[in-house]
PDB file of N, CA and C in Angstrom:
ATOM      1  N   MET A   1      26.875 -20.292  23.560  1.00  0.00           N
ATOM      2  CA  MET A   1      26.028 -20.882  22.546  1.00  0.00           C
ATOM      3  C   MET A   1      24.858 -19.944  22.256  1.00  0.00           C
ATOM      4  N   LYS A   2      24.542 -19.758  20.994  1.00  0.00           N
ATOM      5  CA  LYS A   2      23.452 -18.864  20.614  1.00  0.00           C
ATOM      6  C   LYS A   2      22.122 -19.350  21.188  1.00  0.00           C
ATOM      7  N   TYR A   3      21.259 -18.376  21.455  1.00  0.00           N
ATOM      8  CA  TYR A   3      19.941 -18.670  22.008  1.00  0.00           C
ATOM      9  C   TYR A   3      18.913 -17.903  21.178  1.00  0.00           C
ATOM     10  N   VAL A   4      17.782 -18.528  20.906  1.00  0.00           N
ATOM     11  CA  VAL A   4      16.765 -17.932  20.050  1.00  0.00           C
ATOM     12  C   VAL A   4      15.424 -17.935  20.768  1.00  0.00           C
ATOM     13  N   ASP A   5      14.761 -16.777  20.759  1.00  0.00           N
ATOM     14  CA  ASP A   5      13.363 -16.688  21.173  1.00  0.00           C
ATOM     15  C   ASP A   5      12.523 -16.772  19.920  1.00  0.00           C
ATOM     16  N   GLY A   6      11.508 -17.624  19.924  1.00  0.00           N
ATOM     17  CA  GLY A   6      10.616 -17.769  18.778  1.00  0.00           C
ATOM     18  C   GLY A   6       9.201 -17.405  19.169  1.00  0.00           C
ATOM     19  N   PHE A   7       8.489 -16.784  18.246  1.00  0.00           N
ATOM     20  CA  PHE A   7       7.121 -16.335  18.468  1.00  0.00           C
ATOM     21  C   PHE A   7       6.276 -16.656  17.244  1.00  0.00           C
ATOM     22  N   VAL A   8       5.044 -17.067  17.454  1.00  0.00           N
ATOM     23  CA  VAL A   8       4.067 -17.210  16.377  1.00  0.00           C
ATOM     24  C   VAL A   8       2.804 -16.519  16.866  1.00  0.00           C
ATOM     25  N   ILE A   9       2.286 -15.573  16.049  1.00  0.00           N
ATOM     26  CA  ILE A   9       1.102 -14.808  16.432  1.00  0.00           C
ATOM     27  C   ILE A   9       0.179 -14.647  15.232  1.00  0.00           C
ATOM     28  N   ALA A  10      -1.072 -14.331  15.515  1.00  0.00           N
ATOM     29  CA  ALA A  10      -2.048 -14.004  14.473  1.00  0.00           C
ATOM     30  C   ALA A  10      -2.267 -12.500  14.485  1.00  0.00           C
ATOM     31  N   VAL A  11      -2.191 -11.887  13.300  1.00  0.00           N
ATOM     32  CA  VAL A  11      -2.350 -10.441  13.156  1.00  0.00           C
ATOM     33  C   VAL A  11      -3.425 -10.182  12.100  1.00  0.00           C
ATOM     34  N   PRO A  12      -4.376  -9.298  12.373  1.00  0.00           N
ATOM     35  CA  PRO A  12      -5.362  -8.965  11.340  1.00  0.00           C
ATOM     36  C   PRO A  12      -4.652  -8.514  10.060  1.00  0.00           C
ATOM     37  N   ALA A  13      -5.066  -9.067   8.932  1.00  0.00           N
ATOM     38  CA  ALA A  13      -4.410  -8.778   7.655  1.00  0.00           C
ATOM     39  C   ALA A  13      -4.387  -7.289   7.349  1.00  0.00           C
ATOM     40  N   ASP A  14      -5.419  -6.575   7.744  1.00  0.00           N
ATOM     41  CA  ASP A  14      -5.453  -5.137   7.450  1.00  0.00           C
ATOM     42  C   ASP A  14      -4.568  -4.317   8.393  1.00  0.00           C
ATOM     43  N   LYS A  15      -3.907  -4.984   9.342  1.00  0.00           N
ATOM     44  CA  LYS A  15      -2.997  -4.289  10.265  1.00  0.00           C
ATOM     45  C   LYS A  15      -1.538  -4.668  10.020  1.00  0.00           C
ATOM     46  N   LYS A  16      -1.264  -5.211   8.847  1.00  0.00           N
ATOM     47  CA  LYS A  16       0.098  -5.642   8.531  1.00  0.00           C
ATOM     48  C   LYS A  16       1.097  -4.499   8.692  1.00  0.00           C
ATOM     49  N   GLU A  17       0.837  -3.365   8.087  1.00  0.00           N
ATOM     50  CA  GLU A  17       1.780  -2.252   8.152  1.00  0.00           C
ATOM     51  C   GLU A  17       1.886  -1.702   9.574  1.00  0.00           C
ATOM     52  N   ALA A  18       0.769  -1.625  10.289  1.00  0.00           N
ATOM     53  CA  ALA A  18       0.807  -1.155  11.681  1.00  0.00           C
ATOM     54  C   ALA A  18       1.650  -2.106  12.530  1.00  0.00           C
ATOM     55  N   TYR A  19       1.503  -3.407  12.301  1.00  0.00           N
ATOM     56  CA  TYR A  19       2.300  -4.382  13.037  1.00  0.00           C
ATOM     57  C   TYR A  19       3.781  -4.209  12.711  1.00  0.00           C
ATOM     58  N   ARG A  20       4.107  -4.109  11.407  1.00  0.00           N
ATOM     59  CA  ARG A  20       5.496  -3.967  10.988  1.00  0.00           C
ATOM     60  C   ARG A  20       6.127  -2.713  11.592  1.00  0.00           C
ATOM     61  N   ALA A  21       5.384  -1.596  11.571  1.00  0.00           N
ATOM     62  CA  ALA A  21       5.898  -0.339  12.113  1.00  0.00           C
ATOM     63  C   ALA A  21       6.134  -0.448  13.618  1.00  0.00           C
ATOM     64  N   ARG A  22       5.203  -1.058  14.321  1.00  0.00           N
ATOM     65  CA  ARG A  22       5.343  -1.212  15.778  1.00  0.00           C
ATOM     66  C   ARG A  22       6.514  -2.132  16.110  1.00  0.00           C
ATOM     67  N   ALA A  23       6.650  -3.222  15.370  1.00  0.00           N
ATOM     68  CA  ALA A  23       7.770  -4.140  15.589  1.00  0.00           C
ATOM     69  C   ALA A  23       9.100  -3.418  15.355  1.00  0.00           C
ATOM     70  N   ALA A  24       9.146  -2.568  14.347  1.00  0.00           N
ATOM     71  CA  ALA A  24      10.371  -1.822  14.042  1.00  0.00           C
ATOM     72  C   ALA A  24      10.754  -0.871  15.177  1.00  0.00           C
ATOM     73  N   GLU A  25       9.768  -0.356  15.909  1.00  0.00           N
ATOM     74  CA  GLU A  25      10.053   0.525  17.043  1.00  0.00           C
ATOM     75  C   GLU A  25      10.862  -0.182  18.130  1.00  0.00           C
ATOM     76  N   PHE A  26      10.674  -1.492  18.239  1.00  0.00           N
ATOM     77  CA  PHE A  26      11.329  -2.241  19.299  1.00  0.00           C
ATOM     78  C   PHE A  26      12.740  -2.698  18.938  1.00  0.00           C
ATOM     79  N   ILE A  27      13.091  -2.689  17.656  1.00  0.00           N
ATOM     80  CA  ILE A  27      14.400  -3.189  17.226  1.00  0.00           C
ATOM     81  C   ILE A  27      15.555  -2.505  17.951  1.00  0.00           C
ATOM     82  N   PRO A  28      15.580  -1.175  18.058  1.00  0.00           N
ATOM     83  CA  PRO A  28      16.709  -0.558  18.769  1.00  0.00           C
ATOM     84  C   PRO A  28      16.854  -1.038  20.216  1.00  0.00           C
ATOM     85  N   PHE A  29      15.735  -1.313  20.878  1.00  0.00           N
ATOM     86  CA  PHE A  29      15.794  -1.802  22.256  1.00  0.00           C
ATOM     87  C   PHE A  29      16.364  -3.216  22.305  1.00  0.00           C
ATOM     88  N   PHE A  30      15.846  -4.098  21.438  1.00  0.00           N
ATOM     89  CA  PHE A  30      16.368  -5.463  21.412  1.00  0.00           C
ATOM     90  C   PHE A  30      17.876  -5.453  21.168  1.00  0.00           C
ATOM     91  N   LYS A  31      18.318  -4.643  20.225  1.00  0.00           N
ATOM     92  CA  LYS A  31      19.756  -4.590  19.912  1.00  0.00           C
ATOM     93  C   LYS A  31      20.557  -3.986  21.063  1.00  0.00           C
ATOM     94  N   GLU A  32      20.047  -2.920  21.649  1.00  0.00           N
ATOM     95  CA  GLU A  32      20.727  -2.312  22.792  1.00  0.00           C
ATOM     96  C   GLU A  32      20.895  -3.322  23.929  1.00  0.00           C
ATOM     97  N   PHE A  33      19.904  -4.166  24.113  1.00  0.00           N
ATOM     98  CA  PHE A  33      19.909  -5.112  25.215  1.00  0.00           C
ATOM     99  C   PHE A  33      20.586  -6.441  24.874  1.00  0.00           C
ATOM    100  N   GLY A  34      21.135  -6.560  23.656  1.00  0.00           N
ATOM    101  CA  GLY A  34      21.958  -7.728  23.348  1.00  0.00           C
ATOM    102  C   GLY A  34      21.543  -8.607  22.189  1.00  0.00           C
ATOM    103  N   ALA A  35      20.389  -8.370  21.567  1.00  0.00           N
ATOM    104  CA  ALA A  35      19.984  -9.192  20.426  1.00  0.00           C
ATOM    105  C   ALA A  35      20.946  -8.975  19.266  1.00  0.00           C
ATOM    106  N   ILE A  36      21.267 -10.045  18.563  1.00  0.00           N
ATOM    107  CA  ILE A  36      22.151  -9.916  17.411  1.00  0.00           C
ATOM    108  C   ILE A  36      21.398 -10.052  16.088  1.00  0.00           C
ATOM    109  N   ARG A  37      20.152 -10.495  16.150  1.00  0.00           N
ATOM    110  CA  ARG A  37      19.339 -10.603  14.936  1.00  0.00           C
ATOM    111  C   ARG A  37      17.878 -10.653  15.319  1.00  0.00           C
ATOM    112  N   ILE A  38      17.053  -9.888  14.603  1.00  0.00           N
ATOM    113  CA  ILE A  38      15.605  -9.884  14.808  1.00  0.00           C
ATOM    114  C   ILE A  38      14.969 -10.082  13.433  1.00  0.00           C
ATOM    115  N   VAL A  39      14.112 -11.093  13.312  1.00  0.00           N
ATOM    116  CA  VAL A  39      13.480 -11.379  12.024  1.00  0.00           C
ATOM    117  C   VAL A  39      11.972 -11.472  12.225  1.00  0.00           C
ATOM    118  N   GLU A  40      11.227 -10.722  11.418  1.00  0.00           N
ATOM    119  CA  GLU A  40       9.761 -10.759  11.420  1.00  0.00           C
ATOM    120  C   GLU A  40       9.319 -11.301  10.066  1.00  0.00           C
ATOM    121  N   CYS A  41       8.489 -12.320  10.063  1.00  0.00           N
ATOM    122  CA  CYS A  41       8.062 -12.962   8.817  1.00  0.00           C
ATOM    123  C   CYS A  41       6.537 -13.003   8.733  1.00  0.00           C
ATOM    124  N   TRP A  42       5.985 -12.535   7.614  1.00  0.00           N
ATOM    125  CA  TRP A  42       4.548 -12.545   7.353  1.00  0.00           C
ATOM    126  C   TRP A  42       4.223 -13.782   6.538  1.00  0.00           C
ATOM    127  N   ALA A  43       3.245 -14.558   6.951  1.00  0.00           N
ATOM    128  CA  ALA A  43       2.914 -15.823   6.285  1.00  0.00           C
ATOM    129  C   ALA A  43       2.552 -15.610   4.819  1.00  0.00           C
ATOM    130  N   GLU A  44       3.028 -16.531   4.009  1.00  0.00           N
ATOM    131  CA  GLU A  44       2.686 -16.511   2.586  1.00  0.00           C
ATOM    132  C   GLU A  44       2.178 -17.873   2.112  1.00  0.00           C
ATOM    133  N   ASP A  45       2.742 -18.938   2.669  1.00  0.00           N
ATOM    134  CA  ASP A  45       2.398 -20.284   2.217  1.00  0.00           C
ATOM    135  C   ASP A  45       2.272 -21.191   3.431  1.00  0.00           C
ATOM    136  N   LEU A  46       1.075 -21.269   3.991  1.00  0.00           N
ATOM    137  CA  LEU A  46       0.830 -22.084   5.178  1.00  0.00           C
ATOM    138  C   LEU A  46      -0.156 -23.200   4.835  1.00  0.00           C
ATOM    139  N   PRO A  47       0.351 -24.376   4.566  1.00  0.00           N
ATOM    140  CA  PRO A  47      -0.564 -25.476   4.251  1.00  0.00           C
ATOM    141  C   PRO A  47      -1.375 -25.903   5.473  1.00  0.00           C
ATOM    142  N   ASP A  48      -2.592 -26.359   5.214  1.00  0.00           N
ATOM    143  CA  ASP A  48      -3.421 -26.914   6.277  1.00  0.00           C
ATOM    144  C   ASP A  48      -2.829 -28.250   6.700  1.00  0.00           C
ATOM    145  N   GLY A  49      -2.740 -28.463   8.001  1.00  0.00           N
ATOM    146  CA  GLY A  49      -2.199 -29.719   8.506  1.00  0.00           C
ATOM    147  C   GLY A  49      -3.294 -30.731   8.772  1.00  0.00           C
ATOM    148  N   ASN A  50      -2.923 -31.984   8.912  1.00  0.00           N
ATOM    149  CA  ASN A  50      -3.878 -33.039   9.244  1.00  0.00           C
ATOM    150  C   ASN A  50      -4.214 -33.035  10.728  1.00  0.00           C
ATOM    151  N   VAL A  51      -3.255 -32.668  11.569  1.00  0.00           N
ATOM    152  CA  VAL A  51      -3.456 -32.652  13.013  1.00  0.00           C
ATOM    153  C   VAL A  51      -3.415 -31.224  13.541  1.00  0.00           C
ATOM    154  N   THR A  52      -2.399 -30.477  13.135  1.00  0.00           N
ATOM    155  CA  THR A  52      -2.289 -29.071  13.524  1.00  0.00           C
ATOM    156  C   THR A  52      -1.477 -28.338  12.468  1.00  0.00           C
ATOM    157  N   ASP A  53      -1.432 -27.035  12.560  1.00  0.00           N
ATOM    158  CA  ASP A  53      -0.647 -26.215  11.646  1.00  0.00           C
ATOM    159  C   ASP A  53      -0.475 -24.837  12.278  1.00  0.00           C
ATOM    160  N   PHE A  54       0.239 -23.955  11.602  1.00  0.00           N
ATOM    161  CA  PHE A  54       0.493 -22.630  12.168  1.00  0.00           C
ATOM    162  C   PHE A  54      -0.789 -21.870  12.464  1.00  0.00           C
ATOM    163  N   ARG A  55      -1.744 -21.888  11.532  1.00  0.00           N
ATOM    164  CA  ARG A  55      -2.992 -21.132  11.738  1.00  0.00           C
ATOM    165  C   ARG A  55      -3.764 -21.691  12.932  1.00  0.00           C
ATOM    166  N   ALA A  56      -3.848 -23.007  13.024  1.00  0.00           N
ATOM    167  CA  ALA A  56      -4.567 -23.627  14.137  1.00  0.00           C
ATOM    168  C   ALA A  56      -3.862 -23.363  15.463  1.00  0.00           C
ATOM    169  N   ALA A  57      -2.544 -23.357  15.445  1.00  0.00           N
ATOM    170  CA  ALA A  57      -1.784 -23.184  16.682  1.00  0.00           C
ATOM    171  C   ALA A  57      -2.091 -21.854  17.367  1.00  0.00           C
ATOM    172  N   VAL A  58      -2.342 -20.815  16.581  1.00  0.00           N
ATOM    173  CA  VAL A  58      -2.639 -19.500  17.160  1.00  0.00           C
ATOM    174  C   VAL A  58      -4.109 -19.127  16.992  1.00  0.00           C
ATOM    175  N   LYS A  59      -4.912 -20.115  16.581  1.00  0.00           N
ATOM    176  CA  LYS A  59      -6.351 -19.908  16.388  1.00  0.00           C
ATOM    177  C   LYS A  59      -6.614 -18.691  15.491  1.00  0.00           C
ATOM    178  N   ALA A  60      -5.837 -18.612  14.395  1.00  0.00           N
ATOM    179  CA  ALA A  60      -5.995 -17.504  13.453  1.00  0.00           C
ATOM    180  C   ALA A  60      -7.401 -17.539  12.848  1.00  0.00           C
ATOM    181  N   GLU A  61      -8.013 -16.387  12.821  1.00  0.00           N
ATOM    182  CA  GLU A  61      -9.351 -16.254  12.243  1.00  0.00           C
ATOM    183  C   GLU A  61      -9.236 -15.937  10.755  1.00  0.00           C
ATOM    184  N   GLU A  62     -10.355 -16.004  10.065  1.00  0.00           N
ATOM    185  CA  GLU A  62     -10.400 -15.810   8.607  1.00  0.00           C
ATOM    186  C   GLU A  62      -9.699 -14.524   8.170  1.00  0.00           C
ATOM    187  N   HIS A  63      -9.839 -13.461   8.931  1.00  0.00           N
ATOM    188  CA  HIS A  63      -9.287 -12.151   8.555  1.00  0.00           C
ATOM    189  C   HIS A  63      -7.858 -11.931   9.058  1.00  0.00           C
ATOM    190  N   GLU A  64      -7.224 -12.972   9.606  1.00  0.00           N
ATOM    191  CA  GLU A  64      -5.894 -12.825  10.194  1.00  0.00           C
ATOM    192  C   GLU A  64      -4.841 -13.605   9.407  1.00  0.00           C
ATOM    193  N   GLU A  65      -3.610 -13.125   9.527  1.00  0.00           N
ATOM    194  CA  GLU A  65      -2.455 -13.834   8.969  1.00  0.00           C
ATOM    195  C   GLU A  65      -1.509 -14.175  10.114  1.00  0.00           C
ATOM    196  N   VAL A  66      -0.625 -15.097   9.854  1.00  0.00           N
ATOM    197  CA  VAL A  66       0.314 -15.564  10.874  1.00  0.00           C
ATOM    198  C   VAL A  66       1.656 -14.854  10.694  1.00  0.00           C
ATOM    199  N   VAL A  67       2.223 -14.441  11.821  1.00  0.00           N
ATOM    200  CA  VAL A  67       3.560 -13.860  11.850  1.00  0.00           C
ATOM    201  C   VAL A  67       4.455 -14.808  12.630  1.00  0.00           C
ATOM    202  N   PHE A  68       5.622 -15.057  12.071  1.00  0.00           N
ATOM    203  CA  PHE A  68       6.646 -15.852  12.733  1.00  0.00           C
ATOM    204  C   PHE A  68       7.833 -14.923  12.973  1.00  0.00           C
ATOM    205  N   ARG A  69       8.235 -14.812  14.227  1.00  0.00           N
ATOM    206  CA  ARG A  69       9.345 -13.917  14.593  1.00  0.00           C
ATOM    207  C   ARG A  69      10.369 -14.707  15.386  1.00  0.00           C
ATOM    208  N   TRP A  70      11.634 -14.402  15.128  1.00  0.00           N
ATOM    209  CA  TRP A  70      12.648 -14.928  16.021  1.00  0.00           C
ATOM    210  C   TRP A  70      13.682 -13.861  16.304  1.00  0.00           C
ATOM    211  N   ILE A  71      14.201 -13.948  17.516  1.00  0.00           N
ATOM    212  CA  ILE A  71      15.221 -13.016  17.980  1.00  0.00           C
ATOM    213  C   ILE A  71      16.399 -13.853  18.462  1.00  0.00           C
ATOM    214  N   GLU A  72      17.557 -13.558  17.911  1.00  0.00           N
ATOM    215  CA  GLU A  72      18.757 -14.320  18.239  1.00  0.00           C
ATOM    216  C   GLU A  72      19.618 -13.534  19.219  1.00  0.00           C
ATOM    217  N   TYR A  73      20.095 -14.246  20.224  1.00  0.00           N
ATOM    218  CA  TYR A  73      20.971 -13.675  21.253  1.00  0.00           C
ATOM    219  C   TYR A  73      22.256 -14.501  21.315  1.00  0.00           C
ATOM    220  N   PRO A  74      23.331 -13.925  21.840  1.00  0.00           N
ATOM    221  CA  PRO A  74      24.563 -14.703  21.965  1.00  0.00           C
ATOM    222  C   PRO A  74      24.469 -15.823  23.012  1.00  0.00           C
ATOM    223  N   SER A  75      23.535 -15.695  23.968  1.00  0.00           N
ATOM    224  CA  SER A  75      23.390 -16.720  25.014  1.00  0.00           C
ATOM    225  C   SER A  75      22.042 -16.556  25.708  1.00  0.00           C
ATOM    226  N   LYS A  76      21.657 -17.566  26.467  1.00  0.00           N
ATOM    227  CA  LYS A  76      20.425 -17.491  27.251  1.00  0.00           C
ATOM    228  C   LYS A  76      20.538 -16.411  28.326  1.00  0.00           C
ATOM    229  N   ALA A  77      21.706 -16.263  28.911  1.00  0.00           N
ATOM    230  CA  ALA A  77      21.886 -15.237  29.943  1.00  0.00           C
ATOM    231  C   ALA A  77      21.640 -13.839  29.375  1.00  0.00           C
ATOM    232  N   VAL A  78      22.121 -13.589  28.154  1.00  0.00           N
ATOM    233  CA  VAL A  78      21.882 -12.286  27.527  1.00  0.00           C
ATOM    234  C   VAL A  78      20.392 -12.121  27.244  1.00  0.00           C
ATOM    235  N   ARG A  79      19.738 -13.189  26.771  1.00  0.00           N
ATOM    236  CA  ARG A  79      18.294 -13.126  26.513  1.00  0.00           C
ATOM    237  C   ARG A  79      17.521 -12.854  27.787  1.00  0.00           C
ATOM    238  N   ASP A  80      17.863 -13.540  28.859  1.00  0.00           N
ATOM    239  CA  ASP A  80      17.163 -13.329  30.125  1.00  0.00           C
ATOM    240  C   ASP A  80      17.323 -11.890  30.603  1.00  0.00           C
ATOM    241  N   SER A  81      18.518 -11.365  30.493  1.00  0.00           N
ATOM    242  CA  SER A  81      18.773  -9.976  30.875  1.00  0.00           C
ATOM    243  C   SER A  81      17.986  -9.013  29.986  1.00  0.00           C
ATOM    244  N   ALA A  82      17.972  -9.285  28.682  1.00  0.00           N
ATOM    245  CA  ALA A  82      17.240  -8.429  27.740  1.00  0.00           C
ATOM    246  C   ALA A  82      15.749  -8.423  28.061  1.00  0.00           C
ATOM    247  N   ASN A  83      15.189  -9.583  28.339  1.00  0.00           N
ATOM    248  CA  ASN A  83      13.761  -9.645  28.659  1.00  0.00           C
ATOM    249  C   ASN A  83      13.443  -8.831  29.915  1.00  0.00           C
ATOM    250  N   HIS A  84      14.299  -8.919  30.914  1.00  0.00           N
ATOM    251  CA  HIS A  84      14.093  -8.129  32.127  1.00  0.00           C
ATOM    252  C   HIS A  84      14.149  -6.633  31.800  1.00  0.00           C
ATOM    253  N   LYS A  85      15.124  -6.227  31.026  1.00  0.00           N
ATOM    254  CA  LYS A  85      15.258  -4.816  30.664  1.00  0.00           C
ATOM    255  C   LYS A  85      14.061  -4.338  29.835  1.00  0.00           C
ATOM    256  N   LEU A  86      13.580  -5.188  28.930  1.00  0.00           N
ATOM    257  CA  LEU A  86      12.415  -4.812  28.116  1.00  0.00           C
ATOM    258  C   LEU A  86      11.174  -4.592  28.979  1.00  0.00           C
ATOM    259  N   MET A  87      11.043  -5.379  30.028  1.00  0.00           N
ATOM    260  CA  MET A  87       9.868  -5.270  30.889  1.00  0.00           C
ATOM    261  C   MET A  87       9.954  -4.087  31.849  1.00  0.00           C
ATOM    262  N   THR A  88      11.153  -3.579  32.081  1.00  0.00           N
ATOM    263  CA  THR A  88      11.308  -2.530  33.099  1.00  0.00           C
ATOM    264  C   THR A  88      11.781  -1.188  32.549  1.00  0.00           C
ATOM    265  N   ASP A  89      12.160  -1.121  31.298  1.00  0.00           N
ATOM    266  CA  ASP A  89      12.673   0.136  30.736  1.00  0.00           C
ATOM    267  C   ASP A  89      11.529   1.130  30.538  1.00  0.00           C
ATOM    268  N   PRO A  90      11.583   2.275  31.180  1.00  0.00           N
ATOM    269  CA  PRO A  90      10.487   3.255  31.063  1.00  0.00           C
ATOM    270  C   PRO A  90      10.320   3.822  29.651  1.00  0.00           C
ATOM    271  N   ARG A  91      11.357   3.773  28.830  1.00  0.00           N
ATOM    272  CA  ARG A  91      11.237   4.265  27.454  1.00  0.00           C
ATOM    273  C   ARG A  91      10.242   3.446  26.651  1.00  0.00           C
ATOM    274  N   ILE A  92      10.148   2.165  26.957  1.00  0.00           N
ATOM    275  CA  ILE A  92       9.248   1.291  26.208  1.00  0.00           C
ATOM    276  C   ILE A  92       7.800   1.609  26.546  1.00  0.00           C
ATOM    277  N   ARG A  93       7.539   1.932  27.789  1.00  0.00           N
ATOM    278  CA  ARG A  93       6.159   2.299  28.176  1.00  0.00           C
ATOM    279  C   ARG A  93       5.689   3.534  27.422  1.00  0.00           C
ATOM    280  N   GLY A  94       6.629   4.356  26.989  1.00  0.00           N
ATOM    281  CA  GLY A  94       6.287   5.575  26.280  1.00  0.00           C
ATOM    282  C   GLY A  94       6.016   5.397  24.799  1.00  0.00           C
ATOM    283  N   LEU A  95       6.244   4.184  24.276  1.00  0.00           N
ATOM    284  CA  LEU A  95       5.980   3.961  22.856  1.00  0.00           C
ATOM    285  C   LEU A  95       4.486   3.974  22.594  1.00  0.00           C
ATOM    286  N   GLY A  96       4.102   4.635  21.533  1.00  0.00           N
ATOM    287  CA  GLY A  96       2.682   4.752  21.214  1.00  0.00           C
ATOM    288  C   GLY A  96       2.197   3.611  20.346  1.00  0.00           C
ATOM    289  N   GLY A  97       1.016   3.785  19.840  1.00  0.00           N
ATOM    290  CA  GLY A  97       0.444   2.803  18.931  1.00  0.00           C
ATOM    291  C   GLY A  97      -0.397   1.772  19.639  1.00  0.00           C
ATOM    292  N   GLU A  98      -1.368   1.288  18.898  1.00  0.00           N
ATOM    293  CA  GLU A  98      -2.238   0.261  19.464  1.00  0.00           C
ATOM    294  C   GLU A  98      -1.634  -1.117  19.244  1.00  0.00           C
ATOM    295  N   LYS A  99      -1.972  -2.022  20.117  1.00  0.00           N
ATOM    296  CA  LYS A  99      -1.516  -3.395  19.991  1.00  0.00           C
ATOM    297  C   LYS A  99      -2.236  -4.009  18.789  1.00  0.00           C
ATOM    298  N   SER A 100      -1.477  -4.660  17.918  1.00  0.00           N
ATOM    299  CA  SER A 100      -2.068  -5.160  16.677  1.00  0.00           C
ATOM    300  C   SER A 100      -2.307  -6.667  16.669  1.00  0.00           C
ATOM    301  N   PHE A 101      -2.186  -7.326  17.827  1.00  0.00           N
ATOM    302  CA  PHE A 101      -2.458  -8.761  17.884  1.00  0.00           C
ATOM    303  C   PHE A 101      -2.923  -9.144  19.279  1.00  0.00           C
ATOM    304  N   ASP A 102      -3.521 -10.319  19.370  1.00  0.00           N
ATOM    305  CA  ASP A 102      -4.027 -10.846  20.635  1.00  0.00           C
ATOM    306  C   ASP A 102      -2.931 -11.686  21.297  1.00  0.00           C
ATOM    307  N   GLY A 103      -2.296 -11.139  22.307  1.00  0.00           N
ATOM    308  CA  GLY A 103      -1.200 -11.824  22.986  1.00  0.00           C
ATOM    309  C   GLY A 103      -1.593 -13.126  23.649  1.00  0.00           C
ATOM    310  N   LYS A 104      -2.876 -13.335  23.918  1.00  0.00           N
ATOM    311  CA  LYS A 104      -3.317 -14.576  24.555  1.00  0.00           C
ATOM    312  C   LYS A 104      -3.152 -15.776  23.623  1.00  0.00           C
ATOM    313  N   ARG A 105      -3.097 -15.518  22.315  1.00  0.00           N
ATOM    314  CA  ARG A 105      -2.962 -16.609  21.341  1.00  0.00           C
ATOM    315  C   ARG A 105      -1.535 -16.749  20.819  1.00  0.00           C
ATOM    316  N   MET A 106      -0.601 -16.051  21.415  1.00  0.00           N
ATOM    317  CA  MET A 106       0.791 -16.090  20.972  1.00  0.00           C
ATOM    318  C   MET A 106       1.480 -17.355  21.471  1.00  0.00           C
ATOM    319  N   LEU A 107       2.226 -17.986  20.588  1.00  0.00           N
ATOM    320  CA  LEU A 107       3.121 -19.073  20.975  1.00  0.00           C
ATOM    321  C   LEU A 107       4.489 -18.457  21.171  1.00  0.00           C
ATOM    322  N   TYR A 108       5.192 -18.857  22.217  1.00  0.00           N
ATOM    323  CA  TYR A 108       6.468 -18.258  22.537  1.00  0.00           C
ATOM    324  C   TYR A 108       7.345 -19.299  23.190  1.00  0.00           C
ATOM    325  N   GLY A 109       8.620 -19.263  22.884  1.00  0.00           N
ATOM    326  CA  GLY A 109       9.540 -20.174  23.558  1.00  0.00           C
ATOM    327  C   GLY A 109      10.974 -19.818  23.282  1.00  0.00           C
ATOM    328  N   GLY A 110      11.851 -20.298  24.152  1.00  0.00           N
ATOM    329  CA  GLY A 110      13.287 -20.114  23.998  1.00  0.00           C
ATOM    330  C   GLY A 110      13.921 -21.404  23.532  1.00  0.00           C
ATOM    331  N   PHE A 111      14.903 -21.269  22.641  1.00  0.00           N
ATOM    332  CA  PHE A 111      15.519 -22.433  22.006  1.00  0.00           C
ATOM    333  C   PHE A 111      17.041 -22.322  22.021  1.00  0.00           C
ATOM    334  N   VAL A 112      17.691 -23.426  22.317  1.00  0.00           N
ATOM    335  CA  VAL A 112      19.136 -23.532  22.197  1.00  0.00           C
ATOM    336  C   VAL A 112      19.444 -23.918  20.747  1.00  0.00           C
ATOM    337  N   THR A 113      20.392 -23.236  20.138  1.00  0.00           N
ATOM    338  CA  THR A 113      20.771 -23.542  18.766  1.00  0.00           C
ATOM    339  C   THR A 113      21.571 -24.846  18.723  1.00  0.00           C
ATOM    340  N   ILE A 114      21.114 -25.785  17.889  1.00  0.00           N
ATOM    341  CA  ILE A 114      21.848 -27.051  17.766  1.00  0.00           C
ATOM    342  C   ILE A 114      22.465 -27.219  16.377  1.00  0.00           C
ATOM    343  N   LEU A 115      22.061 -26.382  15.412  1.00  0.00           N
ATOM    344  CA  LEU A 115      22.637 -26.400  14.078  1.00  0.00           C
ATOM    345  C   LEU A 115      22.419 -25.026  13.474  1.00  0.00           C
ATOM    346  N   ASP A 116      23.470 -24.452  12.894  1.00  0.00           N
ATOM    347  CA  ASP A 116      23.373 -23.107  12.312  1.00  0.00           C
ATOM    348  C   ASP A 116      24.292 -23.050  11.109  1.00  0.00           C
ATOM    349  N   GLU A 117      23.748 -23.218   9.938  1.00  0.00           N
ATOM    350  CA  GLU A 117      24.535 -23.223   8.691  1.00  0.00           C
ATOM    351  C   GLU A 117      24.120 -22.094   7.796  1.00  0.00           C
TER     352      GLU A 117
END
């Protein structure tokens, strides 16, 4: 059964291209380690919620935009293996560039696919 990792983060609007370029550097690793699809989405239409919303969830500041990313794997076991490899592969430590978001405000979770049309 397919497994999806989902992420929501706040990125400074003026770092959009830097974020996109850095995310693109990781695609070959995700694919090598078993990901079958990687999608990065830049917010365009985020309505304010009555209780919560995407911006509030990541405490996005005035100068930040929200990014929604998901990575699809063939199974949770493949995802777990990929995450381990991503954390231990020395090639990844060698990637340059500055971090373009505050990881402390990132929402992250793994999801079992229950409908895929």
